């Protein structure tokens, strides 16, 4: 229903609740998950968003940024990029709380921009998440090989165990996934917190060598470096900073995972704003904190770090934290850290599989994928979509006949580009949606307001476009052309454009104008505010534990 069909004054307007069965509501154009299929509590939502953002990249991959840009460039790049992601989190908070549906940002693009935009970004998100599942399964095999005894067994065995575990946690009941992620996320929080505390203690001399090194490595070898020493100093520093930004683009995430789980969260109008509001704390502590710590612990020219990256050494062997521990002759702790990194890798892949399956199921429900993929079991799990996403995970075994480093490098490049496309579409969708709300006089009806808007949306849009264009910069340097690198840097934006144009031509979709934008249908479904509540039987102690978790998370 467009604004010109609404006869009531906008100030007095309250959207009607359409009465229909749960199945019909889920299958409707703008319908959402019924209350009976909303299984995730507030603590699940908060910690799932952590589970998807903390993985191999935070503990291992960040070291590559340090060696190419230096500690100052690494910190500046992560500080800048986290500001972009925070801006995106704020605009997503408004949109997701307004319409807390499944795979929210892709459906928002369909509803407020063009159905072809939703189709293209939905598939972009799916490929992004499926690629990350592959990345984490490969990483699982590498991380466990850190231990000499484990390395005697083929990595394929560990990868197969990881794959089967994903199937067990995701095929039957969403609560299995949610409870597992809750436990893993607690472990991740303890790990990153412990590493930051360790950094502070050791830099002040609390290490076996009694070396009070402080910010020594910012002075010698220095705060900045470049991947191209032959280039002029100013240009070289910019190139080092740019490399660190690309590193941050792959590592920093958060709002997209919250948008994905909105459709299975209970009481989403209360749960989702709290989860989005916590984003800034995660960004500062996890990413800016880690960038600072790594720059303190290890110099950018550390021979052990450089050789570990070049040789694609497994797991914690490439972690700047572990390299620093070994330099300071700290015993046992490297093994504990590797064990926790292993659980982080497993957890991140688990979260990526969940998001991939939900994205594919929603594509199916919206007519953008075969209908059978949206079919749910009695516990609300889209098991066909989970099975297809698990099948993609089997591509991880391709690394057994190739270099794991090559596989990870290509996947990293693809994911980084796909992620940038997502940020661009999220930002532009909010700009269109906000314009529609103002045109129809409904801006005052949104449940929550984000910070820094509308300026934050334009800031995120232009920053994401800039980085997307610059990410393949190095292949255009003299003598540096590399066809695979160019292909993986710019494939996803091209694929998005092809999907958008193709779907638009085939389906003859229409660009959504501000006056025709549907800002009414299914916006005030009862389950969004938990006016509809599906009771979950719990024992006495289970109920007490549940109340404790809801209070503190």
Protein backbone atom coordinates (compact mmCIF):
# COMPACT_ATOMS: atom_id res chain seq x y z
CA UNK A 1 0.00 0.00 0.00
CA UNK A 2 1.55 3.31 -1.05
CA UNK A 3 1.16 6.60 0.75
CA UNK A 4 -1.49 7.95 -1.60
CA UNK A 5 -3.71 5.00 -0.62
CA UNK A 6 -3.64 5.92 3.04
CA UNK A 7 -6.60 8.06 3.98
CA UNK A 8 -5.66 8.61 7.61
CA UNK A 9 -3.48 11.45 8.70
CA UNK A 10 0.11 10.23 9.17
CA UNK A 11 0.26 11.48 12.75
CA UNK A 12 -2.63 9.25 13.77
CA UNK A 13 -1.68 6.35 11.54
CA UNK A 14 -1.08 2.90 13.01
CA UNK A 15 -0.45 0.11 10.48
CA UNK A 16 -3.01 -2.66 10.53
CA UNK A 17 -2.00 -6.20 11.45
CA UNK A 18 -2.94 -8.57 8.68
CA UNK A 19 -4.62 -11.69 10.06
CA UNK A 20 -3.40 -14.85 8.38
CA UNK A 21 -1.87 -18.19 9.26
CA UNK A 22 1.80 -18.47 10.19
CA UNK A 23 2.65 -20.31 6.97
CA UNK A 24 0.78 -17.82 4.79
CA UNK A 25 2.46 -14.92 6.60
CA UNK A 26 5.92 -16.41 6.03
CA UNK A 27 5.18 -16.95 2.33
CA UNK A 28 3.74 -13.45 1.78
CA UNK A 29 5.79 -10.91 -0.20
CA UNK A 30 6.80 -8.92 2.87
CA UNK A 31 5.97 -11.55 5.47
CA UNK A 32 8.44 -12.55 8.19
CA UNK A 33 9.24 -15.52 10.36
CA UNK A 34 6.32 -16.54 12.57
CA UNK A 35 6.61 -16.41 16.36
CA UNK A 36 6.82 -20.21 16.56
CA UNK A 37 10.04 -20.16 14.53
CA UNK A 38 11.69 -17.35 16.49
CA UNK A 39 13.97 -19.35 18.78
CA UNK A 40 16.86 -16.98 19.53
CA UNK A 41 16.90 -15.11 22.83
CA UNK A 42 18.58 -11.75 23.36
CA UNK A 43 21.76 -13.39 24.68
CA UNK A 44 21.94 -15.63 21.61
CA UNK A 45 21.67 -12.61 19.31
CA UNK A 46 24.34 -10.62 21.13
CA UNK A 47 26.83 -13.45 21.18
CA UNK A 48 26.11 -14.72 17.66
CA UNK A 49 27.15 -11.29 16.39
CA UNK A 50 30.41 -11.76 18.29
CA UNK A 51 30.80 -15.29 16.96
CA UNK A 52 30.65 -14.06 13.39
CA UNK A 53 33.14 -11.25 13.89
CA UNK A 54 35.90 -12.99 15.86
CA UNK A 55 37.69 -15.71 13.96
CA UNK A 56 41.00 -16.50 12.32
CA UNK A 57 41.40 -13.02 10.88
CA UNK A 58 41.50 -11.22 14.22
CA UNK A 59 44.20 -13.42 15.74
CA UNK A 60 46.26 -14.41 12.69
CA UNK A 61 45.47 -12.46 9.52
CA UNK A 62 46.00 -9.04 11.14
CA UNK A 63 49.74 -9.75 11.21
CA UNK A 64 49.88 -9.37 7.43
CA UNK A 65 48.59 -5.83 7.79
CA UNK A 66 51.32 -5.04 10.31
CA UNK A 67 54.15 -6.24 8.05
CA UNK A 68 52.89 -4.17 5.10
CA UNK A 69 51.89 -0.92 6.84
CA UNK A 70 53.50 -0.77 10.26
CA UNK A 71 51.82 -0.27 13.65
CA UNK A 72 50.62 3.31 13.05
CA UNK A 73 49.05 2.51 9.66
CA UNK A 74 47.44 -0.61 11.14
CA UNK A 75 45.91 1.34 14.02
CA UNK A 76 44.77 4.25 11.82
CA UNK A 77 43.26 1.90 9.24
CA UNK A 78 41.32 -0.10 11.82
CA UNK A 79 40.18 3.06 13.62
CA UNK A 80 38.92 4.55 10.36
CA UNK A 81 37.23 1.41 9.12
CA UNK A 82 35.54 0.70 12.44
CA UNK A 83 34.03 4.20 12.23
CA UNK A 84 32.56 3.22 8.85
CA UNK A 85 31.15 -0.03 10.24
CA UNK A 86 29.71 1.81 13.24
CA UNK A 87 27.92 4.20 10.89
CA UNK A 88 26.50 1.18 9.04
CA UNK A 89 25.43 -0.41 12.34
CA UNK A 90 23.51 2.73 13.26
CA UNK A 91 21.59 2.88 9.99
CA UNK A 92 20.91 -0.86 10.11
CA UNK A 93 19.59 -0.44 13.65
CA UNK A 94 16.88 1.87 12.37
CA UNK A 95 15.90 -0.32 9.43
CA UNK A 96 16.07 -3.72 11.14
CA UNK A 97 14.06 -2.54 14.14
CA UNK A 98 11.45 -0.99 11.82
CA UNK A 99 11.04 -4.29 9.95
CA UNK A 100 12.85 -7.15 11.77
CA UNK A 101 12.59 -9.72 9.02
CA UNK A 102 14.81 -12.55 7.81
CA UNK A 103 17.96 -11.60 5.87
CA UNK A 104 16.90 -8.05 6.56
CA UNK A 105 19.24 -5.93 4.48
CA UNK A 106 18.69 -7.90 1.26
CA UNK A 107 14.90 -7.76 1.70
CA UNK A 108 15.13 -4.05 2.49
CA UNK A 109 16.91 -3.52 -0.83
CA UNK A 110 14.08 -5.36 -2.63
CA UNK A 111 11.39 -3.40 -0.82
CA UNK A 112 12.84 0.11 -0.86
CA UNK A 113 15.20 0.22 -3.87
CA UNK A 114 14.35 -2.35 -6.54
CA UNK A 115 13.54 -6.09 -6.40
CA UNK A 116 16.57 -6.59 -8.66
CA UNK A 117 18.78 -4.90 -6.05
CA UNK A 118 17.54 -7.33 -3.39
CA UNK A 119 18.08 -10.29 -5.70
CA UNK A 120 21.65 -9.26 -6.51
CA UNK A 121 22.74 -8.34 -2.99
CA UNK A 122 21.03 -11.43 -1.57
CA UNK A 123 23.11 -13.71 -3.77
CA UNK A 124 26.19 -11.59 -3.11
CA UNK A 125 25.67 -12.09 0.61
CA UNK A 126 25.11 -15.81 0.16
CA UNK A 127 28.32 -16.32 -1.81
CA UNK A 128 30.14 -14.18 0.72
CA UNK A 129 29.00 -16.33 3.65
CA UNK A 130 29.51 -19.61 1.77
CA UNK A 131 33.08 -18.55 0.91
CA UNK A 132 33.73 -17.77 4.57
CA UNK A 133 32.54 -21.25 5.55
CA UNK A 134 35.18 -22.64 3.16
CA UNK A 135 37.78 -20.25 4.60
CA UNK A 136 37.15 -21.33 8.19
CA UNK A 137 37.13 -25.07 7.39
CA UNK A 138 40.52 -24.68 5.68
CA UNK A 139 41.72 -22.59 8.61
CA UNK A 140 40.53 -25.27 11.07
CA UNK A 141 42.80 -27.82 9.42
CA UNK A 142 45.71 -25.38 9.52
CA UNK A 143 45.25 -24.25 13.11
CA UNK A 144 45.12 -27.76 14.54
CA UNK A 145 48.34 -28.60 12.66
CA UNK A 146 50.16 -26.20 15.00
CA UNK A 147 50.69 -29.18 17.29
CA UNK A 148 53.34 -31.59 15.99
CA UNK A 149 51.40 -34.73 16.89
CA UNK A 150 48.25 -33.44 15.22
CA UNK A 151 50.23 -32.52 12.10
CA UNK A 152 51.04 -36.19 11.54
CA UNK A 153 47.41 -36.73 10.57
CA UNK A 154 46.12 -35.37 7.27
CA UNK A 155 44.41 -31.98 7.59
CA UNK A 156 41.52 -33.48 5.61
CA UNK A 157 40.58 -35.60 8.64
CA UNK A 158 40.19 -32.55 10.88
CA UNK A 159 38.37 -30.64 8.18
CA UNK A 160 35.92 -33.53 7.81
CA UNK A 161 35.29 -33.56 11.59
CA UNK A 162 34.67 -29.82 11.47
CA UNK A 163 32.23 -30.21 8.56
CA UNK A 164 30.26 -32.99 10.29
CA UNK A 165 30.05 -30.94 13.49
CA UNK A 166 28.61 -28.03 11.52
CA UNK A 167 25.98 -30.35 10.09
CA UNK A 168 24.99 -31.61 13.55
CA UNK A 169 24.65 -28.11 15.00
CA UNK A 170 22.73 -26.62 12.10
CA UNK A 171 20.44 -29.26 10.60
CA UNK A 172 17.98 -29.95 13.42
CA UNK A 173 17.14 -27.06 15.75
CA UNK A 174 18.17 -23.40 15.79
CA UNK A 175 18.58 -23.61 19.56
CA UNK A 176 21.41 -26.15 19.11
CA UNK A 177 23.23 -23.58 17.02
CA UNK A 178 22.37 -20.70 19.35
CA UNK A 179 23.50 -22.49 22.52
CA UNK A 180 26.74 -23.69 20.89
CA UNK A 181 27.54 -20.19 19.66
CA UNK A 182 26.80 -18.78 23.08
CA UNK A 183 29.45 -21.01 24.64
CA UNK A 184 32.01 -20.40 21.91
CA UNK A 185 31.47 -16.64 22.05
CA UNK A 186 32.18 -16.60 25.78
CA UNK A 187 35.48 -18.35 25.01
CA UNK A 188 36.31 -15.75 22.35
CA UNK A 189 35.62 -12.88 24.70
CA UNK A 190 37.89 -14.45 27.32
CA UNK A 191 40.62 -15.02 24.72
CA UNK A 192 40.71 -11.50 23.30
CA UNK A 193 40.39 -9.97 26.76
CA UNK A 194 43.22 -12.15 28.04
CA UNK A 195 45.47 -11.23 25.11
CA UNK A 196 44.89 -7.51 25.62
CA UNK A 197 45.64 -7.84 29.35
CA UNK A 198 48.77 -9.88 28.52
CA UNK A 199 49.91 -7.12 26.16
CA UNK A 200 49.55 -4.48 28.87
CA UNK A 201 51.39 -6.55 31.50
CA UNK A 202 54.26 -7.66 29.27
CA UNK A 203 54.91 -4.22 27.78
CA UNK A 204 55.44 -2.93 31.33
CA UNK A 205 58.00 -5.63 32.05
CA UNK A 206 55.80 -8.43 33.34
CA UNK A 207 57.46 -11.12 31.23
CA UNK A 208 60.20 -13.75 31.82
CA UNK A 209 62.82 -11.44 30.28
CA UNK A 210 61.76 -8.50 32.49
CA UNK A 211 61.93 -6.41 29.34
CA UNK A 212 59.96 -3.16 29.70
CA UNK A 213 59.55 -2.60 25.96
CA UNK A 214 56.50 -0.30 25.93
CA UNK A 215 56.11 1.32 22.50
CA UNK A 216 59.68 0.49 21.49
CA UNK A 217 58.73 -0.92 18.11
CA UNK A 218 56.95 2.30 17.14
CA UNK A 219 60.37 3.98 17.29
CA UNK A 220 62.57 1.19 15.98
CA UNK A 221 62.01 0.01 13.28
CA UNK A 222 59.29 2.68 13.16
CA UNK A 223 55.58 3.42 13.03
CA UNK A 224 55.17 3.17 9.25
CA UNK A 225 56.37 0.91 6.48
CA UNK A 226 55.36 0.16 2.90
CA UNK A 227 54.91 -2.93 0.75
CA UNK A 228 56.82 -1.07 -2.00
CA UNK A 229 60.12 0.29 -0.58
CA UNK A 230 61.21 1.67 -3.97
CA UNK A 231 58.27 4.11 -4.09
CA UNK A 232 58.56 7.67 -2.75
CA UNK A 233 58.13 7.90 1.04
CA UNK A 234 54.74 9.66 1.01
CA UNK A 235 53.29 7.35 -1.62
CA UNK A 236 54.72 4.33 0.15
CA UNK A 237 53.07 5.27 3.44
CA UNK A 238 49.72 5.70 1.71
CA UNK A 239 50.12 2.30 0.06
CA UNK A 240 50.94 0.75 3.44
CA UNK A 241 47.87 2.38 4.96
CA UNK A 242 45.74 1.19 2.03
CA UNK A 243 46.96 -2.37 2.52
CA UNK A 244 45.95 -2.16 6.20
CA UNK A 245 42.52 -0.86 5.20
CA UNK A 246 42.04 -3.91 2.95
CA UNK A 247 43.07 -6.06 5.88
CA UNK A 248 40.48 -4.32 8.06
CA UNK A 249 37.76 -4.74 5.41
CA UNK A 250 38.12 -8.50 5.64
CA UNK A 251 38.44 -8.61 9.41
CA UNK A 252 35.87 -6.10 10.72
CA UNK A 253 32.19 -7.03 10.53
CA UNK A 254 29.11 -7.13 12.70
CA UNK A 255 25.99 -5.31 11.43
CA UNK A 256 25.40 -7.82 8.65
CA UNK A 257 25.19 -10.73 11.09
CA UNK A 258 22.73 -8.92 13.29
CA UNK A 259 20.61 -8.19 10.22
CA UNK A 260 20.67 -11.87 9.31
CA UNK A 261 19.40 -13.13 12.67
CA UNK A 262 16.64 -10.52 13.10
CA UNK A 263 14.11 -12.89 11.56
CA UNK A 264 14.71 -15.58 14.18
CA UNK A 265 15.08 -13.35 17.24
CA UNK A 266 12.39 -13.17 19.88
CA UNK A 267 10.97 -9.79 20.73
CA UNK A 268 13.15 -8.21 18.01
CA UNK A 269 12.03 -4.61 18.60
CA UNK A 270 13.60 -4.86 22.05
CA UNK A 271 16.41 -7.29 21.32
CA UNK A 272 17.88 -5.85 18.12
CA UNK A 273 18.43 -2.20 19.23
CA UNK A 274 20.35 -3.42 22.29
CA UNK A 275 22.51 -5.66 20.12
CA UNK A 276 23.25 -2.86 17.63
CA UNK A 277 24.02 -0.44 20.47
CA UNK A 278 26.69 -2.83 21.72
CA UNK A 279 28.44 -2.78 18.33
CA UNK A 280 30.65 0.17 19.18
CA UNK A 281 32.08 -1.59 22.24
CA UNK A 282 32.91 -4.69 20.21
CA UNK A 283 34.53 -2.60 17.49
CA UNK A 284 36.70 -0.61 19.88
CA UNK A 285 37.73 -3.47 22.20
CA UNK A 286 38.14 -6.27 19.67
CA UNK A 287 39.48 -4.55 16.57
CA UNK A 288 41.06 -1.25 17.60
CA UNK A 289 42.34 -2.92 20.78
CA UNK A 290 43.88 -5.79 18.80
CA UNK A 291 45.45 -3.46 16.23
CA UNK A 292 47.06 -1.51 19.07
CA UNK A 293 48.24 -4.64 20.89
CA UNK A 294 49.80 -6.24 17.82
CA UNK A 295 51.70 -3.04 17.00
CA UNK A 296 53.08 -3.02 20.55
CA UNK A 297 54.08 -6.70 20.73
CA UNK A 298 55.79 -7.27 17.37
CA UNK A 299 57.89 -5.06 15.05
CA UNK A 300 56.73 -4.97 11.45
CA UNK A 301 60.07 -6.44 10.29
CA UNK A 302 60.07 -9.35 12.74
CA UNK A 303 61.82 -12.19 10.92
CA UNK A 304 59.70 -14.88 12.60
CA UNK A 305 56.44 -13.19 11.57
CA UNK A 306 57.63 -12.57 8.01
CA UNK A 307 58.84 -16.14 7.54
CA UNK A 308 55.67 -17.58 9.12
CA UNK A 309 53.48 -15.57 6.71
CA UNK A 310 55.65 -16.48 3.70
CA UNK A 311 55.58 -20.17 4.59
CA UNK A 312 51.86 -20.13 5.50
CA UNK A 313 52.67 -21.77 8.82
CA UNK A 314 49.66 -23.31 10.57
CA UNK A 315 47.44 -21.68 13.15
CA UNK A 316 49.02 -19.77 15.98
CA UNK A 317 52.47 -20.05 14.39
CA UNK A 318 51.49 -16.98 12.30
CA UNK A 319 49.78 -15.16 15.15
CA UNK A 320 51.65 -12.01 16.26
CA UNK A 321 50.54 -12.77 19.81
CA UNK A 322 52.17 -16.23 19.81
CA UNK A 323 55.30 -14.97 18.08
CA UNK A 324 55.65 -12.35 20.82
CA UNK A 325 55.13 -15.00 23.53
CA UNK A 326 57.89 -17.16 22.07
CA UNK A 327 60.25 -14.18 21.84
CA UNK A 328 59.61 -13.47 25.53
CA UNK A 329 60.03 -17.20 26.32
CA UNK A 330 56.56 -17.49 27.83
CA UNK A 331 55.84 -21.25 28.16
CA UNK A 332 52.56 -23.15 27.68
CA UNK A 333 50.52 -20.06 26.83
CA UNK A 334 51.05 -20.38 23.03
CA UNK A 335 49.38 -23.80 23.15
CA UNK A 336 46.44 -22.45 25.16
CA UNK A 337 46.05 -19.57 22.71
CA UNK A 338 46.12 -21.95 19.75
CA UNK A 339 43.43 -24.07 21.38
CA UNK A 340 41.21 -21.04 21.86
CA UNK A 341 41.93 -19.84 18.31
CA UNK A 342 40.80 -23.27 17.14
CA UNK A 343 37.46 -22.88 18.90
CA UNK A 344 37.17 -19.35 17.46
CA UNK A 345 37.72 -20.66 13.95
CA UNK A 346 35.10 -23.35 14.45
CA UNK A 347 32.62 -20.87 15.91
CA UNK A 348 33.08 -18.33 13.11
CA UNK A 349 32.49 -20.99 10.45
CA UNK A 350 29.41 -22.15 12.34
CA UNK A 351 28.00 -18.61 12.35
CA UNK A 352 28.79 -18.16 8.65
CA UNK A 353 26.96 -21.41 7.81
CA UNK A 354 23.91 -20.25 9.79
CA UNK A 355 23.84 -16.93 7.93
CA UNK A 356 24.43 -18.54 4.54
CA UNK A 357 21.55 -20.98 5.03
CA UNK A 358 19.14 -18.27 6.22
CA UNK A 359 20.08 -16.04 3.31
CA UNK A 360 19.50 -18.87 0.81
CA UNK A 361 16.17 -19.78 2.44
CA UNK A 362 15.00 -16.19 2.26
CA UNK A 363 16.06 -15.92 -1.39
CA UNK A 364 13.86 -18.95 -1.97
CA UNK A 365 10.88 -17.46 -0.11
CA UNK A 366 11.17 -14.27 -2.11
CA UNK A 367 11.21 -16.17 -5.41
CA UNK A 368 14.92 -15.60 -6.03
CA UNK A 369 15.91 -19.27 -5.65
CA UNK A 370 14.16 -22.67 -6.03
CA UNK A 371 11.11 -22.84 -3.74
CA UNK A 372 12.16 -26.08 -2.06
CA UNK A 373 15.09 -24.33 -0.37
CA UNK A 374 12.75 -22.40 1.92
CA UNK A 375 11.15 -25.54 3.35
CA UNK A 376 11.56 -25.79 7.14
CA UNK A 377 11.50 -28.77 9.44
CA UNK A 378 9.23 -28.82 12.50
CA UNK A 379 11.85 -26.84 14.46
CA UNK A 380 11.90 -24.05 11.92
CA UNK A 381 15.28 -24.94 10.34
CA UNK A 382 15.50 -24.52 6.52
CA UNK A 383 17.31 -27.84 6.24
CA UNK A 384 17.56 -27.95 2.43
CA UNK A 385 19.26 -24.55 2.49
CA UNK A 386 21.58 -25.79 5.25
CA UNK A 387 22.40 -28.90 3.19
CA UNK A 388 23.26 -26.88 0.07
CA UNK A 389 25.44 -24.52 2.12
CA UNK A 390 27.20 -27.49 3.71
CA UNK A 391 27.82 -28.88 0.23
CA UNK A 392 29.64 -25.66 -0.67
CA UNK A 393 31.80 -26.21 2.39
CA UNK A 394 33.16 -29.37 0.76
CA UNK A 395 35.09 -27.11 -1.63
CA UNK A 396 37.48 -26.57 1.28
CA UNK A 397 38.97 -29.95 0.46
CA UNK A 398 40.29 -28.53 -2.81
CA UNK A 399 43.18 -27.15 -0.77
CA UNK A 400 44.47 -30.71 -0.38
CA UNK A 401 45.71 -30.53 -3.98
CA UNK A 402 46.79 -26.91 -3.83
CA UNK A 403 48.48 -24.52 -1.46
CA UNK A 404 46.27 -23.65 1.49
CA UNK A 405 47.78 -20.17 1.37
CA UNK A 406 46.59 -19.73 -2.24
CA UNK A 407 43.09 -20.90 -1.34
CA UNK A 408 42.90 -18.56 1.65
CA UNK A 409 44.29 -15.62 -0.32
CA UNK A 410 41.72 -15.99 -3.10
CA UNK A 411 38.83 -16.48 -0.68
CA UNK A 412 39.99 -13.45 1.32
CA UNK A 413 39.99 -11.25 -1.78
CA UNK A 414 36.56 -12.43 -2.87
CA UNK A 415 35.06 -11.96 0.58
CA UNK A 416 36.55 -8.50 1.00
CA UNK A 417 35.07 -7.32 -2.29
CA UNK A 418 31.68 -8.93 -1.60
CA UNK A 419 31.59 -7.34 1.84
CA UNK A 420 32.21 -3.89 0.37
CA UNK A 421 29.32 -4.38 -2.06
CA UNK A 422 27.10 -5.23 0.92
CA UNK A 423 28.11 -2.06 2.80
CA UNK A 424 27.40 0.07 -0.27
CA UNK A 425 23.94 -1.42 -0.78
CA UNK A 426 23.10 -1.17 2.94
CA UNK A 427 24.02 2.52 2.98
CA UNK A 428 22.18 3.38 -0.21
CA UNK A 429 19.09 1.43 0.87
CA UNK A 430 18.88 3.45 4.08
CA UNK A 431 19.15 6.71 2.09
CA UNK A 432 16.26 5.62 -0.15
CA UNK A 433 14.19 4.36 2.80
CA UNK A 434 14.70 7.56 4.77
CA UNK A 435 13.65 9.62 1.76
CA UNK A 436 10.49 7.50 1.42
CA UNK A 437 9.60 7.88 5.10
CA UNK A 438 9.94 11.66 4.89
CA UNK A 439 7.96 11.84 1.64
CA UNK A 440 5.07 9.88 3.19
CA UNK A 441 5.23 11.66 6.54
CA UNK A 442 6.07 8.49 8.45
CA UNK A 443 9.54 9.24 9.78
CA UNK A 444 8.15 9.68 13.29
CA UNK A 445 6.82 6.09 13.29
CA UNK A 446 10.22 4.36 13.38
CA UNK A 447 10.78 2.60 16.74
CA UNK A 448 14.40 3.76 17.30
CA UNK A 449 16.73 6.45 15.96
CA UNK A 450 20.34 5.87 14.94
CA UNK A 451 23.23 8.23 15.65
CA UNK A 452 24.90 10.52 13.10
CA UNK A 453 22.19 10.05 10.48
CA UNK A 454 21.72 10.97 7.68
CA UNK A 455 25.38 12.05 7.45
CA UNK A 456 26.62 8.66 8.64
CA UNK A 457 24.88 6.90 5.76
CA UNK A 458 26.54 9.13 3.15
CA UNK A 459 29.89 8.78 4.94
CA UNK A 460 29.65 4.97 4.89
CA UNK A 461 28.53 4.97 1.25
CA UNK A 462 31.39 7.08 -0.08
CA UNK A 463 34.04 5.39 2.09
CA UNK A 464 32.92 1.94 0.91
CA UNK A 465 32.94 3.00 -2.76
CA UNK A 466 36.43 4.50 -2.37
CA UNK A 467 37.87 1.35 -0.83
CA UNK A 468 36.11 -0.87 -3.39
CA UNK A 469 37.73 1.05 -6.24
CA UNK A 470 41.15 1.10 -4.56
CA UNK A 471 41.37 -2.51 -3.40
CA UNK A 472 43.01 -3.68 -6.65
CA UNK A 473 45.28 -0.65 -6.84
CA UNK A 474 48.50 -2.63 -6.67
CA UNK A 475 47.87 -4.64 -9.87
CA UNK A 476 48.02 -1.42 -11.90
CA UNK A 477 51.54 -0.58 -10.73
CA UNK A 478 54.32 -0.88 -13.26
CA UNK A 479 55.32 -4.51 -13.70
CA UNK A 480 52.85 -5.69 -11.02
CA UNK A 481 49.96 -6.88 -13.21
CA UNK A 482 48.51 -10.17 -11.98
CA UNK A 483 45.36 -11.47 -13.66
CA UNK A 484 44.10 -13.63 -10.75
CA UNK A 485 44.57 -10.73 -8.31
CA UNK A 486 42.64 -8.36 -10.60
CA UNK A 487 39.94 -10.97 -11.08
CA UNK A 488 39.42 -11.58 -7.36
CA UNK A 489 39.57 -7.87 -6.47
CA UNK A 490 36.86 -6.77 -8.89
CA UNK A 491 34.79 -9.87 -9.69
CA UNK A 492 32.10 -9.41 -7.05
CA UNK A 493 31.11 -5.82 -8.03
CA UNK A 494 30.89 -6.96 -11.65
CA UNK A 495 28.84 -10.03 -10.68
CA UNK A 496 26.50 -7.81 -8.66
CA UNK A 497 25.96 -5.52 -11.67
CA UNK A 498 25.31 -8.49 -13.98
CA UNK A 499 22.81 -10.02 -11.54
CA UNK A 500 21.04 -6.70 -11.05
CA UNK A 501 20.70 -5.94 -14.77
CA UNK A 502 19.85 -9.54 -15.68
CA UNK A 503 17.08 -9.86 -13.08
CA UNK A 504 15.70 -6.46 -13.96
CA UNK A 505 15.47 -7.32 -17.64
CA UNK A 506 14.05 -10.80 -17.09
CA UNK A 507 11.49 -9.85 -14.44
CA UNK A 508 10.91 -6.26 -15.61
CA UNK A 509 11.22 -4.99 -12.06
CA UNK A 510 10.46 -1.38 -11.23
CA UNK A 511 12.62 1.14 -9.41
CA UNK A 512 10.83 2.00 -6.14
CA UNK A 513 9.95 5.68 -5.82
CA UNK A 514 9.45 7.52 -2.55
CA UNK A 515 5.72 7.92 -3.13
CA UNK A 516 5.13 4.27 -4.12
CA UNK A 517 7.33 2.73 -1.42
CA UNK A 518 5.44 0.22 0.75
CA UNK A 519 6.10 1.31 4.32
CA UNK A 520 2.99 -0.37 5.75
CA UNK A 521 2.68 -4.10 5.02
CA UNK A 522 3.73 -6.40 7.86
CA UNK A 523 5.49 -3.57 9.72
CA UNK A 524 3.55 -4.06 12.96
CA UNK A 525 3.34 -7.84 13.14
CA UNK A 526 2.56 -8.88 16.74
CA UNK A 527 5.66 -11.08 17.07
CA UNK A 528 7.91 -8.05 16.51
CA UNK A 529 6.98 -6.84 19.99
CA UNK A 530 6.32 -10.35 21.33
CA UNK A 531 2.61 -9.72 21.64
CA UNK A 532 2.59 -13.31 20.38
CA UNK A 533 4.70 -15.53 22.61
CA UNK A 534 5.43 -19.21 22.09
CA UNK A 535 6.26 -20.81 25.41
CA UNK A 536 9.32 -23.02 25.70
CA UNK A 537 9.07 -25.66 28.44
CA UNK A 538 11.96 -25.41 30.88
CA UNK A 539 12.84 -27.05 34.15
CA UNK A 540 13.29 -25.09 37.37
CA UNK A 541 17.07 -24.68 37.07
CA UNK A 542 16.93 -24.15 33.32
CA UNK A 543 14.47 -21.31 33.83
CA UNK A 544 16.74 -19.68 36.44
CA UNK A 545 19.71 -19.93 34.08
CA UNK A 546 17.62 -18.52 31.25
CA UNK A 547 16.60 -15.51 33.37
CA UNK A 548 20.21 -14.93 34.41
CA UNK A 549 21.38 -14.88 30.79
CA UNK A 550 18.59 -12.56 29.68
CA UNK A 551 19.50 -10.16 32.48
CA UNK A 552 23.21 -9.93 31.73
CA UNK A 553 23.28 -10.42 27.96
